[in-house]
Structure formats: C-alpha cells, structure tokens
C-alpha cells in the first residue's frame, strides 16, 4: 500500500523572507539589551572600585590620625596641600571654623581630602574623601572624627 502525496508544497520564498525579518527584529532588540547591560555593568564596576578606594583611604586616615596635626596626617599619607587652610569665624551661617584641603594622584585616579573643623563641637572634624577618575567624581565618602 503506497500513498502518493500530491501536496508536495514547502515554504514559499515570501514565508522564508518574512520569518527571517521577524527573527532579525527580535535579535536586534536583544542586542540592544545586551549592549545596555554591558555599559551599565562597566559603570557599576567603576563606581564600586572607586568606593572601595575611598573606603580604604578613609581607613588609612583613621589609622594615622591619632596625635597628628592635619598637615602631618596629609604628609604621612602622601597628600599635598592644594591651598592654605581657610579660617572662618564661627557665626550663625558658618558650620565650620577651619577647612584644610589636600590631594594626591594614584595612577588614573585623583583623591581629594578635605578636613573641616566644626564650630559648635570643638573636638569634631568632618573628613571628606572624593575620588575622581578623568576629572569626573566617581565616589565621595564623608565621616566625622572626634579628636578627643
């Protein structure tokens, strides 16, 4: 018993082209998603690295700060002064009495250390670390330190 199939039709050229167009549209949308995901991952990695470096620098400062003046601390950690300390008279509008600013370059990153002496609380200093990469701020960390 042999059956003859008279309908030997396959896919027409139009059907093949239409399916290729649909597959191309779907793949292009996924490629856009992959490219955006890769950019986001790189940006996130840079921020995480910079935050780690800022945290590490803050730990170095807290380890070295005891018994040192601001200038001695900066020298110990290889910072250079960017300007003379700013002395501000304490008033209603000013929160800080003195501000020191230092910076150092490590490979492609620049660290800026700012130490601010509080007016209201005599023994408290605010320490700010900023990490720049290619002159773009990537991370900023702030902490308060008691000199007592």
N, C-alpha and C. Protein backbone atom coordinates (compact mmCIF):
# COMPACT_ATOMS: atom_id res chain seq x y z
N UNK A 1 0.81 -1.17 0.00
CA UNK A 1 0.00 0.00 0.00
C UNK A 1 0.87 1.25 0.00
N UNK A 2 0.88 1.85 -1.07
CA UNK A 2 1.68 3.04 -1.23
C UNK A 2 0.78 4.25 -1.36
N UNK A 3 1.12 5.28 -0.57
CA UNK A 3 0.32 6.51 -0.65
C UNK A 3 1.12 7.54 -1.43
N UNK A 4 0.49 8.16 -2.29
CA UNK A 4 1.13 9.24 -3.04
C UNK A 4 0.71 10.57 -2.44
N UNK A 5 1.68 11.33 -2.11
CA UNK A 5 1.40 12.67 -1.59
C UNK A 5 1.45 13.63 -2.76
N UNK A 6 0.32 14.16 -3.08
CA UNK A 6 0.27 15.07 -4.20
C UNK A 6 0.58 16.50 -3.77
N UNK A 7 0.42 16.77 -2.48
CA UNK A 7 0.70 18.13 -1.98
C UNK A 7 2.14 18.16 -1.49
N UNK A 8 3.08 18.41 -2.35
CA UNK A 8 4.48 18.45 -2.00
C UNK A 8 4.96 19.88 -1.76
N UNK A 9 4.09 20.74 -1.42
CA UNK A 9 4.43 22.16 -1.22
C UNK A 9 5.23 22.36 0.05
N UNK A 10 6.26 23.17 -0.01
CA UNK A 10 7.08 23.53 1.14
C UNK A 10 6.79 24.98 1.51
N UNK A 11 7.81 25.63 2.02
CA UNK A 11 7.65 27.04 2.34
C UNK A 11 7.91 27.86 1.09
N UNK A 12 7.12 28.87 0.93
CA UNK A 12 7.33 29.75 -0.21
C UNK A 12 8.42 30.75 0.14
N UNK A 13 8.95 31.42 -0.85
CA UNK A 13 10.01 32.40 -0.65
C UNK A 13 9.52 33.53 0.25
N UNK A 14 8.30 33.92 0.11
CA UNK A 14 7.73 35.01 0.92
C UNK A 14 7.68 34.60 2.39
N UNK A 15 7.31 33.39 2.67
CA UNK A 15 7.27 32.91 4.05
C UNK A 15 8.67 32.87 4.67
N UNK A 16 9.65 32.44 3.93
CA UNK A 16 11.03 32.39 4.42
C UNK A 16 11.54 33.79 4.70
N UNK A 17 11.30 34.72 3.80
CA UNK A 17 11.76 36.11 3.98
C UNK A 17 11.06 36.73 5.19
N UNK A 18 9.77 36.51 5.33
CA UNK A 18 9.02 37.07 6.46
C UNK A 18 9.55 36.52 7.78
N UNK A 19 9.85 35.23 7.83
CA UNK A 19 10.37 34.66 9.08
C UNK A 19 11.77 35.20 9.37
N UNK A 20 12.61 35.39 8.35
CA UNK A 20 13.93 35.98 8.55
C UNK A 20 13.82 37.42 9.08
N UNK A 21 12.89 38.17 8.56
CA UNK A 21 12.68 39.55 9.04
C UNK A 21 12.25 39.55 10.50
N UNK A 22 11.34 38.67 10.87
CA UNK A 22 10.89 38.59 12.27
C UNK A 22 12.04 38.19 13.19
N UNK A 23 12.82 37.22 12.79
CA UNK A 23 13.96 36.78 13.62
C UNK A 23 14.97 37.92 13.76
N UNK A 24 15.22 38.65 12.68
CA UNK A 24 16.15 39.79 12.73
C UNK A 24 15.67 40.86 13.69
N UNK A 25 14.40 41.19 13.66
CA UNK A 25 13.85 42.21 14.56
C UNK A 25 13.98 41.76 16.01
N UNK A 26 13.68 40.53 16.28
CA UNK A 26 13.79 40.00 17.65
C UNK A 26 15.25 40.02 18.12
N UNK A 27 16.17 39.57 17.29
CA UNK A 27 17.59 39.55 17.66
C UNK A 27 18.15 40.96 17.86
N UNK A 28 17.75 41.90 17.03
CA UNK A 28 18.22 43.28 17.20
C UNK A 28 17.76 43.88 18.53
N UNK A 29 16.55 43.56 18.94
CA UNK A 29 16.08 44.08 20.23
C UNK A 29 16.88 43.47 21.39
N UNK A 30 17.25 42.21 21.28
CA UNK A 30 18.07 41.58 22.31
C UNK A 30 19.50 42.14 22.32
N UNK A 31 20.06 42.43 21.14
CA UNK A 31 21.40 43.01 21.09
C UNK A 31 21.43 44.36 21.79
N UNK A 32 20.41 45.17 21.60
CA UNK A 32 20.32 46.46 22.30
C UNK A 32 20.31 46.27 23.80
N UNK A 33 19.60 45.27 24.25
CA UNK A 33 19.56 44.96 25.68
C UNK A 33 20.93 44.52 26.19
N UNK A 34 21.63 43.69 25.42
CA UNK A 34 22.97 43.24 25.83
C UNK A 34 23.96 44.39 25.87
N UNK A 35 23.91 45.28 24.91
CA UNK A 35 24.82 46.42 24.87
C UNK A 35 24.57 47.34 26.06
N UNK A 36 23.32 47.64 26.35
CA UNK A 36 23.00 48.49 27.50
C UNK A 36 23.40 47.82 28.81
N UNK A 37 23.21 46.53 28.91
CA UNK A 37 23.61 45.79 30.10
C UNK A 37 25.12 45.86 30.30
N UNK A 38 25.88 45.75 29.23
CA UNK A 38 27.33 45.83 29.32
C UNK A 38 27.78 47.22 29.78
N UNK A 39 27.18 48.29 29.25
CA UNK A 39 27.52 49.65 29.67
C UNK A 39 27.20 49.85 31.15
N UNK A 40 26.06 49.39 31.59
CA UNK A 40 25.66 49.52 32.99
C UNK A 40 26.62 48.75 33.89
N UNK A 41 27.03 47.59 33.47
CA UNK A 41 27.96 46.78 34.25
C UNK A 41 29.31 47.48 34.39
N UNK A 42 29.82 48.09 33.33
CA UNK A 42 31.09 48.82 33.39
C UNK A 42 31.00 50.01 34.32
N UNK A 43 29.92 50.78 34.20
CA UNK A 43 29.73 51.95 35.07
C UNK A 43 29.64 51.53 36.52
N UNK A 44 28.88 50.50 36.79
CA UNK A 44 28.74 50.00 38.16
C UNK A 44 30.07 49.52 38.71
N UNK A 45 30.84 48.84 37.89
CA UNK A 45 32.15 48.35 38.32
C UNK A 45 33.08 49.50 38.68
N UNK A 46 33.08 50.56 37.88
CA UNK A 46 33.92 51.73 38.15
C UNK A 46 33.52 52.39 39.47
N UNK A 47 32.23 52.51 39.72
CA UNK A 47 31.75 53.14 40.95
C UNK A 47 32.10 52.28 42.16
N UNK A 48 31.93 50.98 42.04
CA UNK A 48 32.27 50.08 43.15
C UNK A 48 33.76 50.14 43.45
N UNK A 49 34.59 50.14 42.41
CA UNK A 49 36.04 50.24 42.61
C UNK A 49 36.41 51.55 43.29
N UNK A 50 35.83 52.65 42.85
CA UNK A 50 36.13 53.96 43.44
C UNK A 50 35.65 54.04 44.88
N UNK A 51 34.51 53.46 45.17
CA UNK A 51 34.00 53.45 46.54
C UNK A 51 34.91 52.63 47.44
N UNK A 52 35.41 51.52 46.93
CA UNK A 52 36.35 50.71 47.69
C UNK A 52 37.62 51.50 47.99
N UNK A 53 38.14 52.21 46.99
CA UNK A 53 39.35 53.01 47.20
C UNK A 53 39.11 54.14 48.21
N UNK A 54 37.94 54.77 48.15
CA UNK A 54 37.61 55.83 49.12
C UNK A 54 37.52 55.25 50.52
N UNK A 55 36.91 54.09 50.67
CA UNK A 55 36.79 53.44 51.97
C UNK A 55 38.18 53.06 52.50
N UNK A 56 39.01 52.54 51.64
CA UNK A 56 40.36 52.17 52.03
C UNK A 56 41.15 53.41 52.48
N UNK A 57 41.00 54.50 51.76
CA UNK A 57 41.69 55.74 52.11
C UNK A 57 41.18 56.28 53.45
N UNK A 58 39.87 56.18 53.67
CA UNK A 58 39.29 56.63 54.95
C UNK A 58 39.85 55.79 56.10
N UNK A 59 39.98 54.50 55.90
CA UNK A 59 40.56 53.64 56.95
C UNK A 59 42.02 54.01 57.22
N UNK A 60 42.77 54.33 56.17
CA UNK A 60 44.15 54.78 56.35
C UNK A 60 44.21 56.06 57.17
N UNK A 61 43.30 56.96 56.91
CA UNK A 61 43.26 58.23 57.65
C UNK A 61 42.96 57.97 59.12
N UNK A 62 41.97 57.15 59.40
CA UNK A 62 41.62 56.88 60.80
C UNK A 62 42.73 56.13 61.53
N UNK A 63 43.50 55.33 60.79
CA UNK A 63 44.61 54.63 61.41
C UNK A 63 45.75 55.60 61.75
N UNK A 64 45.96 56.63 60.93
CA UNK A 64 47.10 57.53 61.09
C UNK A 64 46.79 58.83 61.81
N UNK A 65 45.54 59.14 62.06
CA UNK A 65 45.17 60.48 62.51
C UNK A 65 45.50 60.76 63.98
N UNK A 66 45.50 59.76 64.81
CA UNK A 66 45.71 59.97 66.26
C UNK A 66 47.02 60.69 66.53
N UNK A 67 46.93 61.81 67.25
CA UNK A 67 48.11 62.54 67.70
C UNK A 67 48.81 63.35 66.63
N UNK A 68 48.21 63.46 65.45
CA UNK A 68 48.84 64.22 64.36
C UNK A 68 48.03 65.45 64.01
N UNK A 69 48.72 66.48 63.57
CA UNK A 69 48.02 67.65 63.03
C UNK A 69 47.55 67.30 61.63
N UNK A 70 46.73 68.15 61.07
CA UNK A 70 46.21 67.90 59.73
C UNK A 70 47.34 67.84 58.70
N UNK A 71 48.33 68.74 58.85
CA UNK A 71 49.46 68.76 57.92
C UNK A 71 50.32 67.50 58.05
N UNK A 72 50.54 67.05 59.28
CA UNK A 72 51.32 65.82 59.49
C UNK A 72 50.59 64.62 58.90
N UNK A 73 49.29 64.57 59.09
CA UNK A 73 48.49 63.47 58.54
C UNK A 73 48.59 63.46 57.02
N UNK A 74 48.43 64.61 56.40
CA UNK A 74 48.49 64.69 54.94
C UNK A 74 49.86 64.24 54.43
N UNK A 75 50.93 64.69 55.08
CA UNK A 75 52.27 64.30 54.67
C UNK A 75 52.47 62.79 54.82
N UNK A 76 51.98 62.23 55.93
CA UNK A 76 52.12 60.79 56.19
C UNK A 76 51.43 59.97 55.10
N UNK A 77 50.30 60.45 54.60
CA UNK A 77 49.53 59.71 53.59
C UNK A 77 49.82 60.18 52.16
N UNK A 78 50.90 60.97 52.00
CA UNK A 78 51.38 61.42 50.69
C UNK A 78 50.44 62.37 49.97
N UNK A 79 49.69 63.16 50.72
CA UNK A 79 48.85 64.21 50.14
C UNK A 79 49.65 65.50 50.07
N UNK A 80 49.33 66.34 49.10
CA UNK A 80 49.91 67.67 49.03
C UNK A 80 48.82 68.69 49.21
N UNK A 81 49.18 69.82 49.80
CA UNK A 81 48.21 70.87 50.09
C UNK A 81 47.80 71.56 48.79
N UNK A 82 46.50 71.77 48.62
CA UNK A 82 46.03 72.45 47.42
C UNK A 82 45.91 73.95 47.67
N UNK A 83 45.76 74.34 48.93
CA UNK A 83 45.66 75.75 49.27
C UNK A 83 45.90 75.90 50.77
N UNK A 84 46.09 77.11 51.21
CA UNK A 84 46.25 77.35 52.64
C UNK A 84 44.93 77.07 53.35
N UNK A 85 44.98 76.70 54.62
CA UNK A 85 43.72 76.47 55.35
C UNK A 85 42.84 77.71 55.33
N UNK A 86 41.56 77.48 55.23
CA UNK A 86 40.59 78.58 55.27
C UNK A 86 40.11 78.73 56.70
N UNK A 87 40.33 79.92 57.26
CA UNK A 87 39.86 80.21 58.62
C UNK A 87 38.60 81.03 58.51
N UNK A 88 37.55 80.52 59.12
CA UNK A 88 36.24 81.16 59.04
C UNK A 88 35.78 81.46 60.46
N UNK A 89 35.30 82.66 60.68
CA UNK A 89 34.80 82.96 62.02
C UNK A 89 33.46 82.27 62.21
N UNK A 90 33.28 81.69 63.37
CA UNK A 90 32.05 80.95 63.65
C UNK A 90 30.90 81.93 63.81
N UNK A 91 29.86 81.68 63.08
CA UNK A 91 28.65 82.51 63.16
C UNK A 91 27.45 81.62 62.88
N UNK A 92 26.30 82.26 62.82
CA UNK A 92 25.06 81.52 62.56
C UNK A 92 25.11 80.82 61.21
N UNK A 93 25.75 81.45 60.23
CA UNK A 93 25.77 80.92 58.87
C UNK A 93 26.89 79.93 58.60
N UNK A 94 27.93 79.92 59.42
CA UNK A 94 29.03 79.00 59.15
C UNK A 94 29.02 77.85 60.14
N UNK A 95 29.21 76.66 59.60
CA UNK A 95 29.20 75.45 60.40
C UNK A 95 30.62 75.04 60.80
N UNK A 96 31.61 75.50 60.01
CA UNK A 96 33.00 75.10 60.21
C UNK A 96 33.87 76.32 60.48
N UNK A 97 34.92 76.12 61.29
CA UNK A 97 35.83 77.22 61.60
C UNK A 97 37.10 77.18 60.76
N UNK A 98 37.54 75.99 60.37
CA UNK A 98 38.75 75.85 59.56
C UNK A 98 38.55 74.71 58.56
N UNK A 99 39.04 74.92 57.35
CA UNK A 99 38.92 73.89 56.31
C UNK A 99 40.30 73.69 55.67
N UNK A 100 40.78 72.44 55.71
CA UNK A 100 42.04 72.07 55.06
C UNK A 100 41.71 71.25 53.82
N UNK A 101 42.49 71.45 52.76
CA UNK A 101 42.26 70.73 51.52
C UNK A 101 43.58 70.16 50.99
N UNK A 102 43.56 68.87 50.65
CA UNK A 102 44.76 68.17 50.16
C UNK A 102 44.36 67.28 49.00
N UNK A 103 45.35 66.94 48.18
CA UNK A 103 45.06 65.99 47.10
C UNK A 103 46.28 65.13 46.81
N UNK A 104 46.01 63.99 46.16
CA UNK A 104 47.09 63.12 45.68
C UNK A 104 46.59 62.38 44.45
N UNK A 105 47.55 62.00 43.61
CA UNK A 105 47.26 61.28 42.39
C UNK A 105 47.79 59.86 42.53
N UNK A 106 46.95 58.89 42.22
CA UNK A 106 47.35 57.49 42.20
C UNK A 106 46.87 56.88 40.90
N UNK A 107 47.81 56.57 40.03
CA UNK A 107 47.52 56.02 38.71
C UNK A 107 46.56 56.96 37.98
N UNK A 108 45.39 56.50 37.60
CA UNK A 108 44.46 57.35 36.85
C UNK A 108 43.40 57.99 37.75
N UNK A 109 43.58 57.90 39.07
CA UNK A 109 42.59 58.47 40.00
C UNK A 109 43.22 59.58 40.83
N UNK A 110 42.40 60.59 41.11
CA UNK A 110 42.83 61.70 41.95
C UNK A 110 41.98 61.69 43.22
N UNK A 111 42.63 61.77 44.37
CA UNK A 111 41.95 61.78 45.66
C UNK A 111 42.01 63.20 46.22
N UNK A 112 40.89 63.68 46.70
CA UNK A 112 40.86 64.98 47.38
C UNK A 112 40.40 64.73 48.81
N UNK A 113 41.24 65.15 49.75
CA UNK A 113 40.95 65.02 51.18
C UNK A 113 40.62 66.41 51.72
N UNK A 114 39.47 66.54 52.35
CA UNK A 114 39.07 67.80 52.97
C UNK A 114 38.77 67.51 54.44
N UNK A 115 39.39 68.32 55.31
CA UNK A 115 39.15 68.19 56.75
C UNK A 115 38.53 69.50 57.21
N UNK A 116 37.38 69.40 57.87
CA UNK A 116 36.64 70.58 58.31
C UNK A 116 36.48 70.54 59.83
N UNK A 117 36.91 71.58 60.49
CA UNK A 117 36.77 71.69 61.94
C UNK A 117 35.43 72.33 62.25
N UNK A 118 34.66 71.71 63.13
CA UNK A 118 33.33 72.20 63.48
C UNK A 118 33.41 73.39 64.44
N UNK A 119 32.49 74.33 64.28
CA UNK A 119 32.40 75.47 65.19
C UNK A 119 31.74 75.07 66.51
N UNK A 120 30.60 74.45 66.39
CA UNK A 120 29.78 74.16 67.56
C UNK A 120 30.41 73.08 68.44
N UNK A 121 31.01 72.08 67.83
CA UNK A 121 31.59 70.98 68.57
C UNK A 121 33.11 71.04 68.41
N UNK A 122 33.76 71.50 69.44
CA UNK A 122 35.18 71.83 69.38
C UNK A 122 36.08 70.67 68.96
N UNK A 123 35.75 69.45 69.33
CA UNK A 123 36.64 68.32 69.07
C UNK A 123 36.20 67.45 67.90
N UNK A 124 35.26 67.91 67.10
CA UNK A 124 34.80 67.12 65.97
C UNK A 124 35.32 67.68 64.65
N UNK A 125 35.81 66.79 63.81
CA UNK A 125 36.23 67.15 62.46
C UNK A 125 35.43 66.31 61.47
N UNK A 126 35.05 66.93 60.37
CA UNK A 126 34.44 66.19 59.28
C UNK A 126 35.52 65.91 58.25
N UNK A 127 35.64 64.65 57.86
CA UNK A 127 36.64 64.24 56.89
C UNK A 127 35.90 63.78 55.63
N UNK A 128 36.27 64.38 54.50
CA UNK A 128 35.63 64.06 53.22
C UNK A 128 36.70 63.57 52.25
N UNK A 129 36.45 62.43 51.63
CA UNK A 129 37.33 61.87 50.60
C UNK A 129 36.53 61.85 49.30
N UNK A 130 37.10 62.43 48.26
CA UNK A 130 36.48 62.39 46.93
C UNK A 130 37.45 61.69 45.98
N UNK A 131 36.91 60.80 45.18
CA UNK A 131 37.73 60.06 44.21
C UNK A 131 37.27 60.47 42.81
N UNK A 132 38.21 60.98 42.03
CA UNK A 132 37.94 61.41 40.67
C UNK A 132 38.69 60.51 39.69
N UNK A 133 38.03 60.20 38.61
CA UNK A 133 38.67 59.47 37.52
C UNK A 133 38.44 60.28 36.25
N UNK A 134 39.54 60.70 35.63
CA UNK A 134 39.46 61.57 34.45
C UNK A 134 38.64 62.83 34.75
N UNK A 135 38.89 63.41 35.89
CA UNK A 135 38.22 64.64 36.36
C UNK A 135 36.70 64.50 36.51
N UNK A 136 36.23 63.28 36.67
CA UNK A 136 34.81 63.03 36.92
C UNK A 136 34.70 62.39 38.30
N UNK A 137 33.86 62.98 39.16
CA UNK A 137 33.67 62.45 40.51
C UNK A 137 33.02 61.08 40.42
N UNK A 138 33.72 60.07 40.97
CA UNK A 138 33.20 58.70 40.95
C UNK A 138 32.71 58.25 42.31
N UNK A 139 33.28 58.82 43.37
CA UNK A 139 32.89 58.40 44.71
C UNK A 139 33.20 59.51 45.70
N UNK A 140 32.36 59.62 46.71
CA UNK A 140 32.56 60.61 47.77
C UNK A 140 32.16 59.96 49.08
N UNK A 141 33.05 60.08 50.07
CA UNK A 141 32.79 59.49 51.38
C UNK A 141 33.04 60.54 52.44
N UNK A 142 32.14 60.61 53.42
CA UNK A 142 32.24 61.61 54.48
C UNK A 142 32.08 60.91 55.83
N UNK A 143 32.89 61.36 56.79
CA UNK A 143 32.85 60.77 58.11
C UNK A 143 33.18 61.84 59.14
N UNK A 144 32.78 61.63 60.37
CA UNK A 144 33.09 62.57 61.45
C UNK A 144 34.03 61.89 62.41
N UNK A 145 35.05 62.63 62.81
CA UNK A 145 36.10 62.10 63.67
C UNK A 145 36.19 62.96 64.94
N UNK A 146 36.31 62.32 66.08
CA UNK A 146 36.50 63.04 67.34
C UNK A 146 37.98 63.04 67.69
N UNK A 147 38.55 64.21 67.91
CA UNK A 147 39.97 64.33 68.24
C UNK A 147 40.25 64.04 69.70
N UNK A 148 39.26 63.81 70.51
CA UNK A 148 39.46 63.52 71.94
C UNK A 148 39.73 62.08 72.17
